[in-house]
Amino acid sequence: MLIEKSVRDFIEAVASKAPAPGGGSVAALTGSLGSALTAMVGNLTIGRKAYEALDEITKSKLDKNLDKANNLVERLNHLVDEDTKSFNGVMAAFKMPKETEEEKSNRSKAIQEATKEALEVPLETAKKCLEVIRLQKAFAEFGNKNAITDVGVGALLGYAGLEGALFNVKINLSGIKDIEYVEKINNECEEIINEGNNLKEEVLKIVYSKL
């Protein structure tokens, strides 16, 4: 599994001549790192003196956000490998025989199915990265002030993972023949990137105000 590799080995795998792991897996890992930084800020905040001075609603929100951040790390780690698997599935479909009309038809159907799967994995990555960014505003506002730059880096990583994943959605979407499906996914992408960018800017504004 890619996620079980050392950092050095993973980087070398990305840098190699092999087409995978590529941008999709890297986007998932980037989002995971953003969520990990969010969790770190939570761990540096919860239980401290400043945290105890917060109202119960805010403390509850920070507690829940920390749990969510840890869960997102695990899911995005899983998507690192899922993205490469789905890419390999597309490559396998393209290698199917195409001598007879039946073979051509089967190959075409397999390519369409594999391509949909290959875009739905990074689409989930983008959605999970959006969830990561949603968690960060509370930590920017109420988190340990000594870790404010970590919130900022986490926001940048979360957004990079989000937009990077959507690149892979878009490139795969160009090969889909189902017009209604294409329109649906395009609309989802637009909503995700708009919300993600707005949230990221809100978080960074808070971060810069505290530097």
Protein backbone atom coordinates (compact mmCIF):
# COMPACT_ATOMS: atom_id res chain seq x y z
CA MET A 1 0.00 0.00 0.00
CA LEU A 2 1.22 3.48 -0.86
CA ILE A 3 0.18 4.94 2.47
CA GLU A 4 2.39 2.41 4.28
CA LYS A 5 5.53 3.61 2.48
CA SER A 6 8.07 5.88 4.11
CA VAL A 7 7.85 9.54 3.13
CA ARG A 8 11.02 9.17 1.05
CA ASP A 9 9.75 6.05 -0.73
CA PHE A 10 6.41 7.68 -1.51
CA ILE A 11 8.10 10.75 -2.97
CA GLU A 12 10.38 8.56 -5.07
CA ALA A 13 7.35 6.61 -6.34
CA VAL A 14 5.66 9.86 -7.37
CA ALA A 15 8.84 11.11 -9.06
CA SER A 16 9.36 7.87 -11.03
CA LYS A 17 8.43 7.20 -14.68
CA ALA A 18 5.29 5.34 -13.58
CA PRO A 19 2.07 7.34 -14.18
CA ALA A 20 0.73 6.35 -10.76
CA PRO A 21 0.78 7.38 -7.99
CA GLY A 22 0.01 10.77 -9.47
CA GLY A 23 -1.87 13.95 -8.73
CA GLY A 24 -4.94 12.24 -7.32
CA SER A 25 -3.05 10.30 -4.68
CA VAL A 26 -0.91 13.31 -3.88
CA ALA A 27 -4.06 15.46 -3.50
CA ALA A 28 -5.48 12.95 -1.02
CA LEU A 29 -2.24 12.91 0.96
CA THR A 30 -2.12 16.70 0.92
CA GLY A 31 -5.64 16.84 2.34
CA SER A 32 -4.69 14.28 4.97
CA LEU A 33 -1.73 16.40 6.05
CA GLY A 34 -4.02 19.43 6.27
CA SER A 35 -6.37 17.48 8.50
CA ALA A 36 -3.46 16.17 10.58
CA LEU A 37 -2.31 19.74 11.24
CA THR A 38 -5.87 20.63 12.22
CA ALA A 39 -5.88 17.72 14.67
CA MET A 40 -2.52 18.84 16.03
CA VAL A 41 -3.88 22.33 16.73
CA GLY A 42 -6.85 20.69 18.45
CA ASN A 43 -4.56 18.59 20.62
CA LEU A 44 -2.53 21.70 21.51
CA THR A 45 -5.72 23.54 22.44
CA ILE A 46 -8.09 21.18 24.22
CA GLY A 47 -7.43 20.90 27.95
CA ARG A 48 -5.30 24.06 28.14
CA LYS A 49 -6.11 27.01 30.38
CA ALA A 50 -7.44 29.17 27.55
CA TYR A 51 -9.65 26.32 26.39
CA GLU A 52 -11.18 25.87 29.85
CA ALA A 53 -12.14 29.55 29.81
CA LEU A 54 -14.29 29.07 26.70
CA ASP A 55 -18.04 28.59 26.87
CA GLU A 56 -19.40 25.04 26.74
CA ILE A 57 -20.78 25.37 23.20
CA THR A 58 -17.39 26.42 21.82
CA LYS A 59 -15.55 23.70 23.75
CA SER A 60 -17.99 21.10 22.44
CA LYS A 61 -17.44 22.32 18.89
CA LEU A 62 -13.67 22.11 19.21
CA ASP A 63 -13.92 18.62 20.71
CA LYS A 64 -16.11 17.44 17.83
CA ASN A 65 -13.88 19.10 15.25
CA LEU A 66 -10.85 17.28 16.63
CA ASP A 67 -12.63 13.92 16.34
CA LYS A 68 -13.71 14.76 12.80
CA ALA A 69 -10.18 15.81 11.84
CA ASN A 70 -8.77 12.48 13.03
CA ASN A 71 -11.43 10.58 11.08
CA LEU A 72 -10.70 12.60 7.95
CA VAL A 73 -7.01 11.77 8.21
CA GLU A 74 -7.87 8.07 8.10
CA ARG A 75 -10.31 8.40 5.19
CA LEU A 76 -7.98 10.54 3.10
CA ASN A 77 -5.12 8.12 3.78
CA HIS A 78 -7.35 5.38 2.36
CA LEU A 79 -8.09 7.50 -0.71
CA VAL A 80 -4.37 7.80 -1.45
CA ASP A 81 -4.42 4.14 -2.47
CA GLU A 82 -7.93 4.15 -3.88
CA ASP A 83 -7.01 6.82 -6.41
CA THR A 84 -4.12 4.81 -7.80
CA LYS A 85 -6.27 1.66 -7.91
CA SER A 86 -8.99 3.45 -9.89
CA PHE A 87 -6.40 4.81 -12.34
CA ASN A 88 -5.07 1.30 -12.87
CA GLY A 89 -8.65 0.19 -13.53
CA VAL A 90 -8.96 2.67 -16.39
CA MET A 91 -5.67 1.50 -17.87
CA ALA A 92 -6.86 -2.12 -17.68
CA ALA A 93 -10.09 -1.22 -19.50
CA PHE A 94 -8.18 0.43 -22.33
CA LYS A 95 -6.09 -2.73 -22.74
CA MET A 96 -9.14 -4.92 -23.34
CA PRO A 97 -9.37 -6.62 -26.75
CA LYS A 98 -11.14 -4.75 -29.56
CA GLU A 99 -11.03 -7.05 -32.55
CA THR A 100 -14.73 -7.88 -32.84
CA GLU A 101 -17.78 -5.62 -32.53
CA GLU A 102 -18.72 -7.38 -29.29
CA GLU A 103 -15.25 -6.83 -27.88
CA LYS A 104 -15.38 -3.17 -28.89
CA SER A 105 -18.73 -2.76 -27.17
CA ASN A 106 -17.57 -4.49 -23.99
CA ARG A 107 -14.38 -2.43 -23.97
CA SER A 108 -16.27 0.82 -24.43
CA LYS A 109 -18.63 0.01 -21.55
CA ALA A 110 -15.72 -0.99 -19.32
CA ILE A 111 -13.89 2.25 -20.09
CA GLN A 112 -16.95 4.31 -19.23
CA GLU A 113 -17.49 2.46 -15.94
CA ALA A 114 -13.82 2.62 -14.97
CA THR A 115 -13.60 6.31 -15.85
CA LYS A 116 -16.61 7.10 -13.67
CA GLU A 117 -14.98 5.26 -10.79
CA ALA A 118 -11.71 7.06 -11.47
CA LEU A 119 -13.40 10.45 -11.13
CA GLU A 120 -15.60 9.54 -8.18
CA VAL A 121 -12.55 8.75 -6.03
CA PRO A 122 -11.00 12.24 -6.41
CA LEU A 123 -14.49 13.71 -6.10
CA GLU A 124 -14.72 12.12 -2.66
CA THR A 125 -11.22 13.41 -1.93
CA ALA A 126 -12.36 16.94 -2.78
CA LYS A 127 -15.42 16.58 -0.55
CA LYS A 128 -13.31 15.32 2.34
CA CYS A 129 -10.83 18.16 1.87
CA LEU A 130 -13.76 20.57 2.00
CA GLU A 131 -14.76 19.02 5.32
CA VAL A 132 -11.20 19.59 6.53
CA ILE A 133 -11.39 23.29 5.71
CA ARG A 134 -14.79 23.56 7.39
CA LEU A 135 -13.19 22.46 10.66
CA GLN A 136 -10.41 25.01 10.62
CA LYS A 137 -12.19 28.32 11.25
CA ALA A 138 -13.04 27.38 14.83
CA PHE A 139 -9.40 26.52 15.53
CA ALA A 140 -8.28 29.75 13.86
CA GLU A 141 -10.60 31.69 16.15
CA PHE A 142 -10.25 29.76 19.41
CA GLY A 143 -7.25 27.49 19.01
CA ASN A 144 -3.87 27.76 20.71
CA LYS A 145 -2.50 31.07 19.46
CA ASN A 146 1.01 29.62 19.32
CA ALA A 147 -0.23 27.19 16.65
CA ILE A 148 -1.98 29.77 14.46
CA THR A 149 0.47 29.28 11.60
CA ASP A 150 -0.29 25.55 11.66
CA VAL A 151 -3.95 26.40 11.12
CA GLY A 152 -2.88 28.49 8.12
CA VAL A 153 -0.74 25.75 6.61
CA GLY A 154 -3.56 23.27 7.24
CA ALA A 155 -6.00 25.51 5.37
CA LEU A 156 -3.63 25.86 2.43
CA LEU A 157 -3.07 22.10 2.30
CA GLY A 158 -6.78 21.36 2.59
CA TYR A 159 -7.56 23.68 -0.29
CA ALA A 160 -4.66 22.40 -2.41
CA GLY A 161 -5.95 18.86 -1.92
CA LEU A 162 -9.45 19.99 -2.84
CA GLU A 163 -8.57 21.80 -6.05
CA GLY A 164 -5.96 19.21 -7.00
CA ALA A 165 -8.53 16.44 -6.66
CA LEU A 166 -10.99 18.38 -8.81
CA PHE A 167 -8.40 18.56 -11.59
CA ASN A 168 -8.60 14.77 -11.75
CA VAL A 169 -12.38 14.84 -11.69
CA LYS A 170 -12.44 17.26 -14.62
CA ILE A 171 -9.94 15.37 -16.78
CA ASN A 172 -11.84 12.12 -16.32
CA LEU A 173 -15.18 13.83 -16.86
CA SER A 174 -14.10 14.80 -20.37
CA GLY A 175 -14.25 11.13 -21.35
CA ILE A 176 -17.77 10.46 -20.05
CA LYS A 177 -20.59 10.25 -22.62
CA ASP A 178 -23.49 10.49 -20.15
CA ILE A 179 -24.43 14.17 -20.52
CA GLU A 180 -26.71 14.32 -17.46
CA TYR A 181 -24.01 12.73 -15.31
CA VAL A 182 -21.41 15.18 -16.61
CA GLU A 183 -23.65 18.16 -15.84
CA LYS A 184 -24.38 16.85 -12.33
CA ILE A 185 -20.71 16.35 -11.50
CA ASN A 186 -19.72 19.72 -12.98
CA ASN A 187 -22.28 21.43 -10.75
CA GLU A 188 -20.93 19.57 -7.70
CA CYS A 189 -17.39 20.63 -8.56
CA GLU A 190 -18.44 24.26 -8.86
CA GLU A 191 -20.13 24.22 -5.47
CA ILE A 192 -17.18 22.47 -3.80
CA ILE A 193 -14.51 24.81 -5.14
CA ASN A 194 -16.51 27.96 -4.41
CA GLU A 195 -17.22 26.97 -0.81
CA GLY A 196 -13.69 25.71 -0.30
CA ASN A 197 -12.09 28.90 -1.61
CA ASN A 198 -14.36 31.13 0.48
CA LEU A 199 -13.68 29.14 3.65
CA LYS A 200 -9.94 29.07 3.00
CA GLU A 201 -9.87 32.84 2.57
CA GLU A 202 -11.86 33.32 5.80
CA VAL A 203 -9.42 31.14 7.72
CA LEU A 204 -6.36 32.86 6.25
CA LYS A 205 -7.78 36.26 7.08
CA ILE A 206 -8.03 35.22 10.73
CA VAL A 207 -4.54 33.71 10.64
CA TYR A 208 -2.94 36.86 9.22
CA SER A 209 -4.77 39.01 11.76
CA LYS A 210 -3.08 37.04 14.56
CA LEU A 211 0.47 37.08 13.21
